Amino acid sequence: MTFEHEKILARPALAAAIARLRPGRTVVFTNGCFDLLHAGHVDVLTRARALGDLLVVGLNDDASVARLKGTRRPVTPAAERAYILAGLACVDFVSPFAEDTPLELIKAVLPDVLVKGGDWPVSAIVGGDVVTARGGRVVSLPLAPGLSTTAIIERIIASHTPS
């Protein structure tokens, strides 16, 4: 089965769509692995979308997730992760990227607001300098306590490990 959705765009198509839709709108960008989409992700994405008119989600591809999280990740392939994210009403576009950081994607989108979860201090958010140089802002949103992909994976493993 292929997972296609009109919200999933490669970088050039995304840049063109944003250029067309941007006038009069605030573009918000966030990114991540979103390996096992959970309530914490949906909470941050919903609050990110509330900061503007269009929410663009940069999605680490499988190779970059493996480099960042280890060879046992991702659990869910990029095509499926993108499809799940595209199905959320708060998400306007999803764009996979192969690099370890979303910097090149941020340069293509030039968002007005750059958002990450609260485990990232504003000063450490990749692309923040690009956004603030254009007069935009960088926001670190508080995370829901106890909700993380790693914690979910650990609970699954623990529940299947004989005591």
C-alpha atoms as a PDB file:
ATOM      1  CA  MET A   1       0.000   0.000   0.000  1.00  0.00           C
ATOM      2  CA  THR A   2       1.261   3.483  -0.782  1.00  0.00           C
ATOM      3  CA  PHE A   3       0.578   6.330   1.591  1.00  0.00           C
ATOM      4  CA  GLU A   4      -0.038   9.488  -0.376  1.00  0.00           C
ATOM      5  CA  HIS A   5      -1.761  12.668   0.726  1.00  0.00           C
ATOM      6  CA  GLU A   6      -2.078  16.104  -0.861  1.00  0.00           C
ATOM      7  CA  LYS A   7      -0.552  17.641   2.280  1.00  0.00           C
ATOM      8  CA  ILE A   8       2.722  15.699   1.865  1.00  0.00           C
ATOM      9  CA  LEU A   9       5.076  17.740  -0.298  1.00  0.00           C
ATOM     10  CA  ALA A  10       8.751  17.550  -1.227  1.00  0.00           C
ATOM     11  CA  ARG A  11      10.776  20.700  -0.526  1.00  0.00           C
ATOM     12  CA  PRO A  12      10.389  22.427  -3.952  1.00  0.00           C
ATOM     13  CA  ALA A  13       6.627  21.860  -4.085  1.00  0.00           C
ATOM     14  CA  LEU A  14       6.295  22.974  -0.466  1.00  0.00           C
ATOM     15  CA  ALA A  15       8.233  26.195  -1.104  1.00  0.00           C
ATOM     16  CA  ALA A  16       5.965  26.953  -4.084  1.00  0.00           C
ATOM     17  CA  ALA A  17       2.790  26.249  -2.076  1.00  0.00           C
ATOM     18  CA  ILE A  18       3.944  28.452   0.804  1.00  0.00           C
ATOM     19  CA  ALA A  19       4.867  31.292  -1.569  1.00  0.00           C
ATOM     20  CA  ARG A  20       1.381  31.075  -3.094  1.00  0.00           C
ATOM     21  CA  LEU A  21      -0.472  30.891   0.242  1.00  0.00           C
ATOM     22  CA  ARG A  22       1.707  33.153   2.421  1.00  0.00           C
ATOM     23  CA  PRO A  23       0.320  36.648   1.643  1.00  0.00           C
ATOM     24  CA  GLY A  24      -1.651  37.780   4.683  1.00  0.00           C
ATOM     25  CA  ARG A  25      -0.945  34.582   6.605  1.00  0.00           C
ATOM     26  CA  THR A  26       1.412  33.581   9.401  1.00  0.00           C
ATOM     27  CA  VAL A  27       3.437  30.464   8.583  1.00  0.00           C
ATOM     28  CA  VAL A  28       4.417  28.240  11.518  1.00  0.00           C
ATOM     29  CA  PHE A  29       7.053  25.523  11.228  1.00  0.00           C
ATOM     30  CA  THR A  30       7.945  22.642  13.501  1.00  0.00           C
ATOM     31  CA  ASN A  31       9.794  19.406  12.951  1.00  0.00           C
ATOM     32  CA  GLY A  32      10.579  16.048  14.450  1.00  0.00           C
ATOM     33  CA  CYS A  33      10.763  12.311  14.057  1.00  0.00           C
ATOM     34  CA  PHE A  34       7.167  11.606  15.169  1.00  0.00           C
ATOM     35  CA  ASP A  35       8.085   7.928  15.313  1.00  0.00           C
ATOM     36  CA  LEU A  36       5.046   6.815  17.299  1.00  0.00           C
ATOM     37  CA  LEU A  37       2.539   9.633  17.166  1.00  0.00           C
ATOM     38  CA  HIS A  38       1.085  10.160  20.634  1.00  0.00           C
ATOM     39  CA  ALA A  39      -1.032  12.649  22.587  1.00  0.00           C
ATOM     40  CA  GLY A  40       2.012  14.777  23.436  1.00  0.00           C
ATOM     41  CA  HIS A  41       2.771  15.229  19.741  1.00  0.00           C
ATOM     42  CA  VAL A  42      -0.830  16.135  18.940  1.00  0.00           C
ATOM     43  CA  ASP A  43      -0.876  18.618  21.830  1.00  0.00           C
ATOM     44  CA  VAL A  44       2.277  20.425  20.624  1.00  0.00           C
ATOM     45  CA  LEU A  45       1.117  20.378  16.990  1.00  0.00           C
ATOM     46  CA  THR A  46      -2.290  21.792  17.934  1.00  0.00           C
ATOM     47  CA  ARG A  47      -0.730  24.556  20.030  1.00  0.00           C
ATOM     48  CA  ALA A  48       1.819  25.292  17.285  1.00  0.00           C
ATOM     49  CA  ARG A  49      -0.974  25.667  14.726  1.00  0.00           C
ATOM     50  CA  ALA A  50      -2.737  28.117  17.047  1.00  0.00           C
ATOM     51  CA  LEU A  51       0.282  30.445  16.679  1.00  0.00           C
ATOM     52  CA  GLY A  52      -0.465  31.095  13.005  1.00  0.00           C
ATOM     53  CA  ASP A  53      -2.497  30.321   9.916  1.00  0.00           C
ATOM     54  CA  LEU A  54      -0.497  27.516   8.275  1.00  0.00           C
ATOM     55  CA  LEU A  55       1.424  24.758  10.057  1.00  0.00           C
ATOM     56  CA  VAL A  56       4.281  23.085   8.195  1.00  0.00           C
ATOM     57  CA  VAL A  57       5.756  19.947   9.761  1.00  0.00           C
ATOM     58  CA  GLY A  58       9.265  18.903   8.752  1.00  0.00           C
ATOM     59  CA  LEU A  59       9.626  15.138   9.142  1.00  0.00           C
ATOM     60  CA  ASN A  60      12.954  13.367   9.602  1.00  0.00           C
ATOM     61  CA  ASP A  61      13.294  10.575   7.037  1.00  0.00           C
ATOM     62  CA  ASP A  62      14.143   7.036   8.160  1.00  0.00           C
ATOM     63  CA  ALA A  63      17.916   7.381   7.770  1.00  0.00           C
ATOM     64  CA  SER A  64      18.057  10.600   9.784  1.00  0.00           C
ATOM     65  CA  VAL A  65      15.896   9.072  12.538  1.00  0.00           C
ATOM     66  CA  ALA A  66      18.286   6.117  12.739  1.00  0.00           C
ATOM     67  CA  ARG A  67      21.258   8.483  12.994  1.00  0.00           C
ATOM     68  CA  LEU A  68      19.569  10.543  15.717  1.00  0.00           C
ATOM     69  CA  LYS A  69      17.778   7.830  17.717  1.00  0.00           C
ATOM     70  CA  GLY A  70      19.763   4.654  17.033  1.00  0.00           C
ATOM     71  CA  THR A  71      19.616   1.773  14.608  1.00  0.00           C
ATOM     72  CA  ARG A  72      16.433   0.283  16.113  1.00  0.00           C
ATOM     73  CA  ARG A  73      14.500   3.371  15.086  1.00  0.00           C
ATOM     74  CA  PRO A  74      12.317   4.420  13.464  1.00  0.00           C
ATOM     75  CA  VAL A  75       9.621   1.998  14.486  1.00  0.00           C
ATOM     76  CA  THR A  76       7.248   3.450  11.888  1.00  0.00           C
ATOM     77  CA  PRO A  77       8.500   4.115   8.317  1.00  0.00           C
ATOM     78  CA  ALA A  78       8.578   7.716   7.090  1.00  0.00           C
ATOM     79  CA  ALA A  79       5.801   7.261   4.518  1.00  0.00           C
ATOM     80  CA  GLU A  80       3.434   6.081   7.256  1.00  0.00           C
ATOM     81  CA  ARG A  81       4.527   8.811   9.685  1.00  0.00           C
ATOM     82  CA  ALA A  82       3.944  11.464   7.026  1.00  0.00           C
ATOM     83  CA  TYR A  83       0.516  10.053   6.204  1.00  0.00           C
ATOM     84  CA  ILE A  84      -0.530  10.032   9.866  1.00  0.00           C
ATOM     85  CA  LEU A  85       0.632  13.628  10.352  1.00  0.00           C
ATOM     86  CA  ALA A  86      -1.110  14.743   7.149  1.00  0.00           C
ATOM     87  CA  GLY A  87      -4.341  13.294   8.536  1.00  0.00           C
ATOM     88  CA  LEU A  88      -4.346  15.756  11.425  1.00  0.00           C
ATOM     89  CA  ALA A  89      -6.595  18.777  10.946  1.00  0.00           C
ATOM     90  CA  CYS A  90      -4.053  21.104  12.574  1.00  0.00           C
ATOM     91  CA  VAL A  91      -1.326  20.187  10.037  1.00  0.00           C
ATOM     92  CA  ASP A  92      -1.376  21.977   6.682  1.00  0.00           C
ATOM     93  CA  PHE A  93       1.759  20.455   5.113  1.00  0.00           C
ATOM     94  CA  VAL A  94       4.260  17.705   5.857  1.00  0.00           C
ATOM     95  CA  SER A  95       7.657  17.671   4.204  1.00  0.00           C
ATOM     96  CA  PRO A  96      10.199  14.903   4.790  1.00  0.00           C
ATOM     97  CA  PHE A  97      13.886  15.815   4.986  1.00  0.00           C
ATOM     98  CA  ALA A  98      17.022  13.670   4.892  1.00  0.00           C
ATOM     99  CA  GLU A  99      19.445  15.896   6.768  1.00  0.00           C
ATOM    100  CA  ASP A 100      20.048  15.589  10.507  1.00  0.00           C
ATOM    101  CA  THR A 101      18.546  19.052  11.035  1.00  0.00           C
ATOM    102  CA  PRO A 102      15.707  20.877   9.281  1.00  0.00           C
ATOM    103  CA  LEU A 103      17.843  23.941   8.510  1.00  0.00           C
ATOM    104  CA  GLU A 104      17.602  23.666   4.709  1.00  0.00           C
ATOM    105  CA  LEU A 105      13.841  23.081   4.917  1.00  0.00           C
ATOM    106  CA  ILE A 106      13.480  26.102   7.215  1.00  0.00           C
ATOM    107  CA  LYS A 107      15.417  28.190   4.669  1.00  0.00           C
ATOM    108  CA  ALA A 108      13.008  27.014   1.952  1.00  0.00           C
ATOM    109  CA  VAL A 109       9.860  27.739   3.997  1.00  0.00           C
ATOM    110  CA  LEU A 110      11.056  30.903   5.791  1.00  0.00           C
ATOM    111  CA  PRO A 111       8.463  30.564   8.561  1.00  0.00           C
ATOM    112  CA  ASP A 112       7.206  33.468  10.626  1.00  0.00           C
ATOM    113  CA  VAL A 113       7.137  31.303  13.750  1.00  0.00           C
ATOM    114  CA  LEU A 114       9.483  28.400  14.504  1.00  0.00           C
ATOM    115  CA  VAL A 115       8.254  25.989  17.179  1.00  0.00           C
ATOM    116  CA  LYS A 116       9.774  23.073  19.085  1.00  0.00           C
ATOM    117  CA  GLY A 117       8.722  21.197  22.177  1.00  0.00           C
ATOM    118  CA  GLY A 118       9.846  22.441  25.575  1.00  0.00           C
ATOM    119  CA  ASP A 119      12.751  20.021  25.784  1.00  0.00           C
ATOM    120  CA  TRP A 120      14.488  22.444  23.385  1.00  0.00           C
ATOM    121  CA  PRO A 121      15.610  25.802  24.797  1.00  0.00           C
ATOM    122  CA  VAL A 122      14.941  28.612  22.314  1.00  0.00           C
ATOM    123  CA  SER A 123      18.686  29.262  21.946  1.00  0.00           C
ATOM    124  CA  ALA A 124      19.244  25.665  20.745  1.00  0.00           C
ATOM    125  CA  ILE A 125      16.454  25.506  18.165  1.00  0.00           C
ATOM    126  CA  VAL A 126      18.016  24.965  14.742  1.00  0.00           C
ATOM    127  CA  GLY A 127      17.028  27.693  12.293  1.00  0.00           C
ATOM    128  CA  GLY A 128      16.117  30.182  14.977  1.00  0.00           C
ATOM    129  CA  ASP A 129      18.661  32.639  13.612  1.00  0.00           C
ATOM    130  CA  VAL A 130      17.124  32.388  10.132  1.00  0.00           C
ATOM    131  CA  VAL A 131      13.635  33.093  11.490  1.00  0.00           C
ATOM    132  CA  THR A 132      14.581  35.933  13.829  1.00  0.00           C
ATOM    133  CA  ALA A 133      16.698  37.612  11.116  1.00  0.00           C
ATOM    134  CA  ARG A 134      13.479  37.965   9.120  1.00  0.00           C
ATOM    135  CA  GLY A 135      11.591  39.427  12.102  1.00  0.00           C
ATOM    136  CA  GLY A 136       9.973  36.126  13.094  1.00  0.00           C
ATOM    137  CA  ARG A 137       9.915  34.463  16.454  1.00  0.00           C
ATOM    138  CA  VAL A 138      11.058  31.195  17.984  1.00  0.00           C
ATOM    139  CA  VAL A 139       8.852  29.420  20.522  1.00  0.00           C
ATOM    140  CA  SER A 140       9.533  26.479  22.828  1.00  0.00           C
ATOM    141  CA  LEU A 141       6.195  24.987  23.911  1.00  0.00           C
ATOM    142  CA  PRO A 142       5.881  23.116  27.216  1.00  0.00           C
ATOM    143  CA  LEU A 143       5.534  19.357  26.837  1.00  0.00           C
ATOM    144  CA  ALA A 144       2.886  17.161  28.431  1.00  0.00           C
ATOM    145  CA  PRO A 145       4.686  15.363  31.274  1.00  0.00           C
ATOM    146  CA  GLY A 146       5.491  11.682  30.827  1.00  0.00           C
ATOM    147  CA  LEU A 147       4.637  11.544  27.135  1.00  0.00           C
ATOM    148  CA  SER A 148       7.500  10.638  24.831  1.00  0.00           C
ATOM    149  CA  THR A 149       8.074   8.062  22.131  1.00  0.00           C
ATOM    150  CA  THR A 150      11.023   6.637  24.045  1.00  0.00           C
ATOM    151  CA  ALA A 151       8.909   6.270  27.218  1.00  0.00           C
ATOM    152  CA  ILE A 152       6.152   4.524  25.233  1.00  0.00           C
ATOM    153  CA  ILE A 153       8.650   2.108  23.668  1.00  0.00           C
ATOM    154  CA  GLU A 154      10.134   1.381  27.109  1.00  0.00           C
ATOM    155  CA  ARG A 155       6.646   0.649  28.526  1.00  0.00           C
ATOM    156  CA  ILE A 156       5.921  -1.718  25.631  1.00  0.00           C
ATOM    157  CA  ILE A 157       9.189  -3.571  26.174  1.00  0.00           C
ATOM    158  CA  ALA A 158       8.615  -3.756  29.934  1.00  0.00           C
ATOM    159  CA  SER A 159       5.093  -5.113  29.450  1.00  0.00           C
ATOM    160  CA  HIS A 160       6.457  -7.929  27.271  1.00  0.00           C
ATOM    161  CA  THR A 161       9.443  -8.793  29.425  1.00  0.00           C
ATOM    162  CA  PRO A 162       8.948 -11.719  31.813  1.00  0.00           C
ATOM    163  CA  SER A 163       9.414 -10.741  35.444  1.00  0.00           C
END
